[in-house]
Amino acid sequence: MNEVRSGRPIMSFAEARFQPEADKSNSPKKSGWKYVGMIVLGLLILALGFIFVDKIFLNSGEANVLGALVASDDYQAVFLLNGQVYFGKMISSNDKEIVLQEVYYLQTSGMASSTEKKKYDLVKLGSEAYGPTSEVVITRSNVLFYETLRADSQVVQSIKNYK
């Protein structure tokens, strides 16, 4: 008797009825989406972690350090990306803006020849024709850097003489 066998064992109808169906979750399409979903979820958790660390530790730490370093009598020089420099008392600073009071800035006086150095005048903000107050709010993204001025600096001495 010649039997032809395939690689699978032969089952009766009754045995086949009680066999569990093949697990359809292992199909290539569904398992691929499962991994993509896990990767997206992981990246989302990672991004939220970075935001948490930035907001809680970095920015709040900067505000605390700034509050400790800037005394109420100190003047700061705030250098902007456009080349403008403001001098004043920093009353608040956060990750979005810096607020200065008693603000002064430098303005060139007259035309200097090529052999002479440019001369600058210290101008108090608020003396302009349009009448601004002596407080300025500077967007943090426009700030190159800022520094505290010594009490014996020429700018601070000029401000004291201006008053």
N, C-alpha and C. Protein backbone atom coordinates (compact mmCIF):
# COMPACT_ATOMS: atom_id res chain seq x y z
N MET A 1 0.83 -1.15 0.00
CA MET A 1 0.00 0.00 0.00
C MET A 1 0.89 1.24 0.00
N ASN A 2 0.62 2.06 -0.90
CA ASN A 2 1.39 3.30 -1.02
C ASN A 2 0.66 4.41 -0.29
N GLU A 3 1.38 5.01 0.65
CA GLU A 3 0.79 6.15 1.38
C GLU A 3 1.55 7.41 0.99
N VAL A 4 0.81 8.41 0.83
CA VAL A 4 1.43 9.71 0.58
C VAL A 4 1.25 10.52 1.86
N ARG A 5 2.34 10.95 2.36
CA ARG A 5 2.25 11.73 3.60
C ARG A 5 2.78 13.15 3.35
N SER A 6 2.06 14.06 3.91
CA SER A 6 2.59 15.42 3.90
C SER A 6 3.38 15.57 5.19
N GLY A 7 3.93 16.66 5.46
CA GLY A 7 4.73 16.86 6.65
C GLY A 7 3.88 16.96 7.91
N ARG A 8 2.55 17.09 7.80
CA ARG A 8 1.69 17.26 8.97
C ARG A 8 1.07 15.92 9.35
N PRO A 9 0.85 15.75 10.63
CA PRO A 9 0.14 14.55 11.04
C PRO A 9 -1.31 14.63 10.61
N ILE A 10 -1.90 13.50 10.32
CA ILE A 10 -3.29 13.45 9.91
C ILE A 10 -4.16 13.43 11.15
N MET A 11 -5.18 14.32 11.17
CA MET A 11 -6.07 14.40 12.32
C MET A 11 -7.47 14.09 11.86
N SER A 12 -8.18 13.57 12.77
CA SER A 12 -9.60 13.35 12.49
C SER A 12 -10.34 14.66 12.63
N PHE A 13 -11.57 14.68 12.15
CA PHE A 13 -12.40 15.88 12.23
C PHE A 13 -12.60 16.30 13.68
N ALA A 14 -12.79 15.37 14.58
CA ALA A 14 -13.03 15.66 15.99
C ALA A 14 -11.79 16.29 16.62
N GLU A 15 -10.62 15.78 16.26
CA GLU A 15 -9.40 16.34 16.83
C GLU A 15 -9.17 17.77 16.31
N ALA A 16 -9.43 17.97 15.06
CA ALA A 16 -9.22 19.28 14.46
C ALA A 16 -10.16 20.31 15.05
N ARG A 17 -11.36 19.87 15.44
CA ARG A 17 -12.34 20.80 16.00
C ARG A 17 -11.86 21.39 17.31
N PHE A 18 -11.12 20.66 18.11
CA PHE A 18 -10.70 21.13 19.44
C PHE A 18 -9.31 21.74 19.45
N GLN A 19 -8.69 21.87 18.32
CA GLN A 19 -7.39 22.52 18.25
C GLN A 19 -7.59 24.04 18.25
N PRO A 20 -6.80 24.76 19.04
CA PRO A 20 -6.93 26.22 19.04
C PRO A 20 -6.54 26.79 17.69
N GLU A 21 -7.22 27.89 17.34
CA GLU A 21 -6.89 28.54 16.07
C GLU A 21 -5.51 29.17 16.17
N ALA A 22 -4.92 29.35 15.06
CA ALA A 22 -3.59 29.96 15.03
C ALA A 22 -3.69 31.38 15.60
N ASP A 23 -2.69 31.77 16.35
CA ASP A 23 -2.67 33.10 16.97
C ASP A 23 -2.49 34.14 15.87
N LYS A 24 -3.52 34.92 15.68
CA LYS A 24 -3.49 35.91 14.60
C LYS A 24 -2.70 37.15 14.97
N SER A 25 -2.35 37.34 16.27
CA SER A 25 -1.60 38.53 16.69
C SER A 25 -0.16 38.49 16.23
N ASN A 26 0.31 37.36 15.80
CA ASN A 26 1.68 37.26 15.33
C ASN A 26 1.82 37.54 13.84
N SER A 27 0.73 37.96 13.21
CA SER A 27 0.83 38.28 11.80
C SER A 27 1.76 39.47 11.63
N PRO A 28 2.49 39.52 10.55
CA PRO A 28 3.49 40.59 10.37
C PRO A 28 2.90 41.98 10.47
N LYS A 29 1.71 42.20 9.96
CA LYS A 29 1.13 43.55 9.99
C LYS A 29 0.86 44.00 11.42
N LYS A 30 0.22 43.16 12.21
CA LYS A 30 -0.15 43.57 13.56
C LYS A 30 1.07 43.67 14.47
N SER A 31 2.01 42.77 14.37
CA SER A 31 3.17 42.84 15.26
C SER A 31 4.03 44.05 14.91
N GLY A 32 4.09 44.45 13.65
CA GLY A 32 4.83 45.64 13.26
C GLY A 32 4.24 46.90 13.88
N TRP A 33 2.92 47.01 13.86
CA TRP A 33 2.27 48.18 14.47
C TRP A 33 2.44 48.18 15.98
N LYS A 34 2.51 47.00 16.56
CA LYS A 34 2.71 46.90 18.01
C LYS A 34 4.05 47.53 18.39
N TYR A 35 5.10 47.22 17.65
CA TYR A 35 6.42 47.78 17.93
C TYR A 35 6.49 49.27 17.64
N VAL A 36 5.83 49.70 16.58
CA VAL A 36 5.80 51.14 16.27
C VAL A 36 5.10 51.89 17.40
N GLY A 37 4.00 51.33 17.88
CA GLY A 37 3.28 51.96 18.99
C GLY A 37 4.13 52.03 20.24
N MET A 38 4.90 50.98 20.52
CA MET A 38 5.77 50.98 21.70
C MET A 38 6.88 52.02 21.54
N ILE A 39 7.42 52.15 20.35
CA ILE A 39 8.47 53.14 20.11
C ILE A 39 7.93 54.55 20.27
N VAL A 40 6.74 54.82 19.71
CA VAL A 40 6.14 56.15 19.82
C VAL A 40 5.85 56.47 21.29
N LEU A 41 5.32 55.51 22.03
CA LEU A 41 5.04 55.71 23.44
C LEU A 41 6.33 55.98 24.22
N GLY A 42 7.38 55.25 23.90
CA GLY A 42 8.67 55.47 24.56
C GLY A 42 9.23 56.85 24.27
N LEU A 43 9.14 57.29 23.02
CA LEU A 43 9.62 58.64 22.67
C LEU A 43 8.80 59.72 23.35
N LEU A 44 7.51 59.51 23.47
CA LEU A 44 6.65 60.47 24.15
C LEU A 44 7.01 60.58 25.63
N ILE A 45 7.23 59.45 26.27
CA ILE A 45 7.63 59.46 27.68
C ILE A 45 8.99 60.13 27.84
N LEU A 46 9.91 59.87 26.94
CA LEU A 46 11.23 60.49 26.97
C LEU A 46 11.14 62.01 26.81
N ALA A 47 10.31 62.47 25.86
CA ALA A 47 10.14 63.91 25.64
C ALA A 47 9.53 64.58 26.87
N LEU A 48 8.53 63.95 27.47
CA LEU A 48 7.92 64.51 28.68
C LEU A 48 8.92 64.55 29.82
N GLY A 49 9.79 63.57 29.88
CA GLY A 49 10.84 63.57 30.90
C GLY A 49 11.79 64.74 30.73
N PHE A 50 12.20 65.00 29.47
CA PHE A 50 13.09 66.15 29.21
C PHE A 50 12.40 67.47 29.58
N ILE A 51 11.14 67.61 29.23
CA ILE A 51 10.41 68.83 29.56
C ILE A 51 10.33 69.00 31.07
N PHE A 52 10.04 67.92 31.78
CA PHE A 52 9.95 67.97 33.24
C PHE A 52 11.28 68.41 33.84
N VAL A 53 12.37 67.79 33.42
CA VAL A 53 13.68 68.14 33.95
C VAL A 53 14.02 69.59 33.64
N ASP A 54 13.72 70.04 32.42
CA ASP A 54 14.01 71.42 32.03
C ASP A 54 13.23 72.42 32.88
N LYS A 55 11.94 72.21 33.03
CA LYS A 55 11.10 73.16 33.76
C LYS A 55 11.38 73.15 35.26
N ILE A 56 11.54 71.97 35.83
CA ILE A 56 11.69 71.87 37.27
C ILE A 56 13.10 72.21 37.73
N PHE A 57 14.09 71.65 37.09
CA PHE A 57 15.45 71.80 37.59
C PHE A 57 16.24 72.92 36.95
N LEU A 58 16.15 73.08 35.64
CA LEU A 58 17.00 74.07 34.96
C LEU A 58 16.47 75.49 35.09
N ASN A 59 15.23 75.73 34.69
CA ASN A 59 14.70 77.10 34.71
C ASN A 59 14.47 77.61 36.12
N SER A 60 13.91 76.79 37.00
CA SER A 60 13.67 77.27 38.35
C SER A 60 15.00 77.48 39.06
N GLY A 61 15.99 76.67 38.75
CA GLY A 61 17.31 76.85 39.35
C GLY A 61 17.93 78.16 38.90
N GLU A 62 17.72 78.52 37.64
CA GLU A 62 18.25 79.78 37.13
C GLU A 62 17.63 80.95 37.86
N ALA A 63 16.32 80.92 38.05
CA ALA A 63 15.65 82.02 38.74
C ALA A 63 16.14 82.14 40.16
N ASN A 64 16.37 81.01 40.84
CA ASN A 64 16.86 81.05 42.21
C ASN A 64 18.27 81.58 42.27
N VAL A 65 19.12 81.13 41.37
CA VAL A 65 20.49 81.61 41.34
C VAL A 65 20.51 83.09 41.01
N LEU A 66 19.71 83.51 40.04
CA LEU A 66 19.67 84.92 39.66
C LEU A 66 19.23 85.78 40.83
N GLY A 67 18.21 85.35 41.55
CA GLY A 67 17.73 86.11 42.70
C GLY A 67 18.81 86.24 43.75
N ALA A 68 19.64 85.23 43.91
CA ALA A 68 20.70 85.27 44.91
C ALA A 68 21.86 86.16 44.46
N LEU A 69 22.11 86.22 43.14
CA LEU A 69 23.27 86.96 42.65
C LEU A 69 22.99 88.43 42.42
N VAL A 70 21.78 88.80 42.07
CA VAL A 70 21.47 90.17 41.73
C VAL A 70 20.92 90.89 42.96
N ALA A 71 21.71 91.80 43.48
CA ALA A 71 21.25 92.59 44.62
C ALA A 71 20.47 93.79 44.09
N SER A 72 19.64 94.38 44.93
CA SER A 72 18.77 95.47 44.48
C SER A 72 19.54 96.72 44.08
N ASP A 73 20.75 96.91 44.59
CA ASP A 73 21.53 98.11 44.28
C ASP A 73 22.47 97.93 43.08
N ASP A 74 22.59 96.72 42.58
CA ASP A 74 23.50 96.46 41.47
C ASP A 74 22.86 96.82 40.13
N TYR A 75 23.69 97.31 39.23
CA TYR A 75 23.26 97.56 37.86
C TYR A 75 23.77 96.43 36.98
N GLN A 76 22.98 96.09 35.97
CA GLN A 76 23.38 95.07 35.02
C GLN A 76 23.47 95.68 33.63
N ALA A 77 24.33 95.11 32.81
CA ALA A 77 24.41 95.45 31.40
C ALA A 77 23.81 94.27 30.64
N VAL A 78 22.78 94.54 29.83
CA VAL A 78 22.12 93.50 29.05
C VAL A 78 22.47 93.74 27.58
N PHE A 79 23.17 92.79 26.98
CA PHE A 79 23.63 92.89 25.60
C PHE A 79 22.66 92.14 24.70
N LEU A 80 22.10 92.85 23.73
CA LEU A 80 21.12 92.25 22.83
C LEU A 80 21.79 91.76 21.55
N LEU A 81 21.11 90.88 20.85
CA LEU A 81 21.64 90.33 19.61
C LEU A 81 21.84 91.38 18.53
N ASN A 82 21.06 92.48 18.57
CA ASN A 82 21.17 93.52 17.55
C ASN A 82 22.28 94.53 17.84
N GLY A 83 23.05 94.32 18.92
CA GLY A 83 24.15 95.21 19.25
C GLY A 83 23.80 96.26 20.29
N GLN A 84 22.55 96.46 20.60
CA GLN A 84 22.12 97.42 21.61
C GLN A 84 22.48 96.91 23.00
N VAL A 85 22.83 97.84 23.90
CA VAL A 85 23.14 97.48 25.28
C VAL A 85 22.28 98.36 26.18
N TYR A 86 21.59 97.73 27.13
CA TYR A 86 20.81 98.45 28.13
C TYR A 86 21.47 98.26 29.48
N PHE A 87 21.51 99.34 30.26
CA PHE A 87 22.04 99.30 31.61
C PHE A 87 20.88 99.62 32.56
N GLY A 88 20.74 98.85 33.61
CA GLY A 88 19.67 99.11 34.55
C GLY A 88 19.68 98.11 35.68
N LYS A 89 18.66 98.24 36.53
CA LYS A 89 18.51 97.32 37.66
C LYS A 89 17.53 96.22 37.25
N MET A 90 18.02 94.99 37.29
CA MET A 90 17.19 93.85 36.90
C MET A 90 16.26 93.53 38.07
N ILE A 91 14.95 93.70 37.83
CA ILE A 91 14.00 93.43 38.90
C ILE A 91 13.37 92.05 38.78
N SER A 92 13.38 91.47 37.60
CA SER A 92 12.91 90.09 37.45
C SER A 92 13.50 89.49 36.18
N SER A 93 13.57 88.16 36.23
CA SER A 93 14.09 87.43 35.09
C SER A 93 13.52 86.02 35.14
N ASN A 94 13.08 85.53 34.00
CA ASN A 94 12.64 84.14 33.89
C ASN A 94 13.05 83.64 32.52
N ASP A 95 12.54 82.49 32.12
CA ASP A 95 12.96 81.92 30.85
C ASP A 95 12.39 82.63 29.64
N LYS A 96 11.46 83.59 29.84
CA LYS A 96 10.85 84.30 28.71
C LYS A 96 11.29 85.75 28.60
N GLU A 97 11.56 86.41 29.74
CA GLU A 97 11.86 87.84 29.67
C GLU A 97 12.72 88.30 30.84
N ILE A 98 13.33 89.47 30.63
CA ILE A 98 14.10 90.17 31.65
C ILE A 98 13.47 91.55 31.79
N VAL A 99 13.26 92.01 33.03
CA VAL A 99 12.69 93.33 33.26
C VAL A 99 13.75 94.19 33.94
N LEU A 100 14.03 95.35 33.33
CA LEU A 100 14.98 96.31 33.87
C LEU A 100 14.25 97.59 34.26
N GLN A 101 14.69 98.21 35.36
CA GLN A 101 14.21 99.53 35.77
C GLN A 101 15.40 100.47 35.83
N GLU A 102 15.11 101.77 35.84
CA GLU A 102 16.16 102.80 35.81
C GLU A 102 17.11 102.52 34.64
N VAL A 103 16.54 102.47 33.45
CA VAL A 103 17.26 102.01 32.27
C VAL A 103 17.99 103.16 31.57
N TYR A 104 19.22 102.87 31.16
CA TYR A 104 20.06 103.78 30.39
C TYR A 104 20.60 103.03 29.18
N TYR A 105 20.97 103.78 28.16
CA TYR A 105 21.60 103.17 26.99
C TYR A 105 22.61 104.14 26.42
N LEU A 106 23.48 103.65 25.55
CA LEU A 106 24.52 104.49 24.94
C LEU A 106 24.05 104.97 23.57
N GLN A 107 24.39 106.25 23.31
CA GLN A 107 24.06 106.84 22.02
C GLN A 107 25.30 107.58 21.52
N THR A 108 25.63 107.41 20.23
CA THR A 108 26.80 108.11 19.70
C THR A 108 26.51 109.59 19.62
N SER A 109 27.51 110.39 19.92
CA SER A 109 27.33 111.85 19.88
C SER A 109 28.11 112.42 18.72
N GLY A 110 27.41 113.01 17.78
CA GLY A 110 28.04 113.68 16.65
C GLY A 110 28.74 112.72 15.72
N MET A 111 29.36 113.28 14.71
CA MET A 111 30.10 112.51 13.72
C MET A 111 31.57 112.50 14.13
N ALA A 112 32.12 111.32 14.27
CA ALA A 112 33.54 111.21 14.57
C ALA A 112 34.29 110.98 13.26
N SER A 113 35.44 111.63 13.13
CA SER A 113 36.24 111.40 11.92
C SER A 113 36.86 110.01 12.00
N SER A 114 37.44 109.58 10.93
CA SER A 114 38.00 108.23 10.88
C SER A 114 39.19 108.07 11.83
N THR A 115 39.83 109.18 12.19
CA THR A 115 40.98 109.09 13.09
C THR A 115 40.57 109.20 14.56
N GLU A 116 39.38 109.69 14.83
CA GLU A 116 38.93 109.84 16.22
C GLU A 116 38.13 108.62 16.64
N LYS A 117 38.12 108.40 17.94
CA LYS A 117 37.26 107.35 18.50
C LYS A 117 35.84 107.88 18.55
N LYS A 118 34.88 106.97 18.43
CA LYS A 118 33.48 107.38 18.58
C LYS A 118 33.24 107.80 20.01
N LYS A 119 32.40 108.82 20.17
CA LYS A 119 32.05 109.29 21.51
C LYS A 119 30.62 108.89 21.79
N TYR A 120 30.39 108.45 23.00
CA TYR A 120 29.06 107.99 23.39
C TYR A 120 28.54 108.82 24.54
N ASP A 121 27.22 109.04 24.51
CA ASP A 121 26.52 109.68 25.61
C ASP A 121 25.63 108.64 26.28
N LEU A 122 25.53 108.73 27.60
CA LEU A 122 24.63 107.86 28.33
C LEU A 122 23.27 108.55 28.39
N VAL A 123 22.24 107.88 27.89
CA VAL A 123 20.90 108.47 27.81
C VAL A 123 19.97 107.68 28.72
N LYS A 124 19.18 108.42 29.53
CA LYS A 124 18.21 107.76 30.40
C LYS A 124 16.95 107.48 29.60
N LEU A 125 16.49 106.23 29.65
CA LEU A 125 15.25 105.86 28.98
C LEU A 125 14.10 106.61 29.65
N GLY A 126 13.29 107.26 28.85
CA GLY A 126 12.18 108.06 29.36
C GLY A 126 12.34 109.51 28.97
N SER A 127 13.53 109.90 28.53
CA SER A 127 13.74 111.29 28.12
C SER A 127 13.47 111.50 26.63
N GLU A 128 13.07 110.46 25.92
CA GLU A 128 12.78 110.57 24.49
C GLU A 128 11.45 111.30 24.28
N ALA A 129 11.26 111.77 23.05
CA ALA A 129 10.07 112.55 22.71
C ALA A 129 8.78 111.74 22.86
N TYR A 130 8.84 110.45 22.63
CA TYR A 130 7.61 109.65 22.72
C TYR A 130 7.25 109.28 24.15
N GLY A 131 8.13 109.58 25.13
CA GLY A 131 7.81 109.47 26.55
C GLY A 131 7.64 108.09 27.14
N PRO A 132 8.60 107.18 26.92
CA PRO A 132 8.46 105.86 27.55
C PRO A 132 8.76 105.93 29.05
N THR A 133 8.33 104.93 29.79
CA THR A 133 8.68 104.85 31.21
C THR A 133 10.12 104.36 31.30
N SER A 134 10.67 104.41 32.48
CA SER A 134 12.06 103.98 32.66
C SER A 134 12.11 102.50 33.05
N GLU A 135 11.25 101.70 32.42
CA GLU A 135 11.27 100.26 32.62
C GLU A 135 11.20 99.62 31.24
N VAL A 136 11.97 98.57 31.05
CA VAL A 136 11.95 97.89 29.76
C VAL A 136 11.85 96.38 30.01
N VAL A 137 11.00 95.75 29.20
CA VAL A 137 10.84 94.30 29.23
C VAL A 137 11.52 93.76 27.97
N ILE A 138 12.53 92.92 28.18
CA ILE A 138 13.32 92.40 27.07
C ILE A 138 13.02 90.92 26.90
N THR A 139 12.65 90.54 25.70
CA THR A 139 12.40 89.13 25.40
C THR A 139 13.71 88.37 25.48
N ARG A 140 13.72 87.29 26.23
CA ARG A 140 14.93 86.52 26.51
C ARG A 140 15.62 86.02 25.24
N SER A 141 14.85 85.73 24.20
CA SER A 141 15.44 85.23 22.96
C SER A 141 16.26 86.31 22.24
N ASN A 142 16.11 87.58 22.62
CA ASN A 142 16.88 88.67 22.02
C ASN A 142 18.15 88.98 22.80
N VAL A 143 18.37 88.30 23.92
CA VAL A 143 19.51 88.60 24.80
C VAL A 143 20.69 87.73 24.43
N LEU A 144 21.82 88.38 24.19
CA LEU A 144 23.06 87.66 23.94
C LEU A 144 23.65 87.20 25.28
N PHE A 145 23.80 88.15 26.21
CA PHE A 145 24.24 87.84 27.58
C PHE A 145 24.01 89.07 28.43
N TYR A 146 24.15 88.90 29.74
CA TYR A 146 24.09 90.04 30.66
C TYR A 146 25.13 89.84 31.75
N GLU A 147 25.51 90.94 32.38
CA GLU A 147 26.49 90.86 33.45
C GLU A 147 26.25 91.97 34.46
N THR A 148 26.67 91.74 35.69
CA THR A 148 26.54 92.72 36.76
C THR A 148 27.71 93.69 36.69
N LEU A 149 27.41 94.97 36.84
CA LEU A 149 28.45 96.00 36.76
C LEU A 149 29.01 96.30 38.16
N ARG A 150 30.30 96.55 38.22
CA ARG A 150 30.93 96.94 39.49
C ARG A 150 30.48 98.35 39.85
N ALA A 151 30.47 98.66 41.13
CA ALA A 151 30.06 99.99 41.60
C ALA A 151 31.04 101.07 41.13
N ASP A 152 32.29 100.71 40.84
CA ASP A 152 33.27 101.70 40.42
C ASP A 152 33.43 101.78 38.89
N SER A 153 32.53 101.13 38.14
CA SER A 153 32.64 101.17 36.67
C SER A 153 32.25 102.57 36.16
N GLN A 154 32.74 102.92 34.99
CA GLN A 154 32.45 104.24 34.40
C GLN A 154 30.96 104.42 34.16
N VAL A 155 30.27 103.37 33.74
CA VAL A 155 28.83 103.47 33.47
C VAL A 155 28.07 103.74 34.77
N VAL A 156 28.37 103.00 35.82
CA VAL A 156 27.67 103.19 37.10
C VAL A 156 27.98 104.59 37.65
N GLN A 157 29.20 105.03 37.52
CA GLN A 157 29.56 106.38 37.99
C GLN A 157 28.81 107.44 37.18
N SER A 158 28.68 107.23 35.87
CA SER A 158 27.93 108.17 35.03
C SER A 158 26.46 108.18 35.40
N ILE A 159 25.90 107.02 35.73
CA ILE A 159 24.50 106.96 36.16
C ILE A 159 24.31 107.72 37.46
N LYS A 160 25.21 107.54 38.41
CA LYS A 160 25.13 108.26 39.70
C LYS A 160 25.25 109.77 39.48
N ASN A 161 26.12 110.18 38.56
CA ASN A 161 26.27 111.61 38.26
C ASN A 161 25.04 112.15 37.52
N TYR A 162 24.39 111.31 36.72
CA TYR A 162 23.22 111.71 35.95
C TYR A 162 22.07 112.06 36.87
N LYS A 163 21.95 111.32 37.97
CA LYS A 163 20.87 111.54 38.93
C LYS A 163 21.09 112.84 39.60
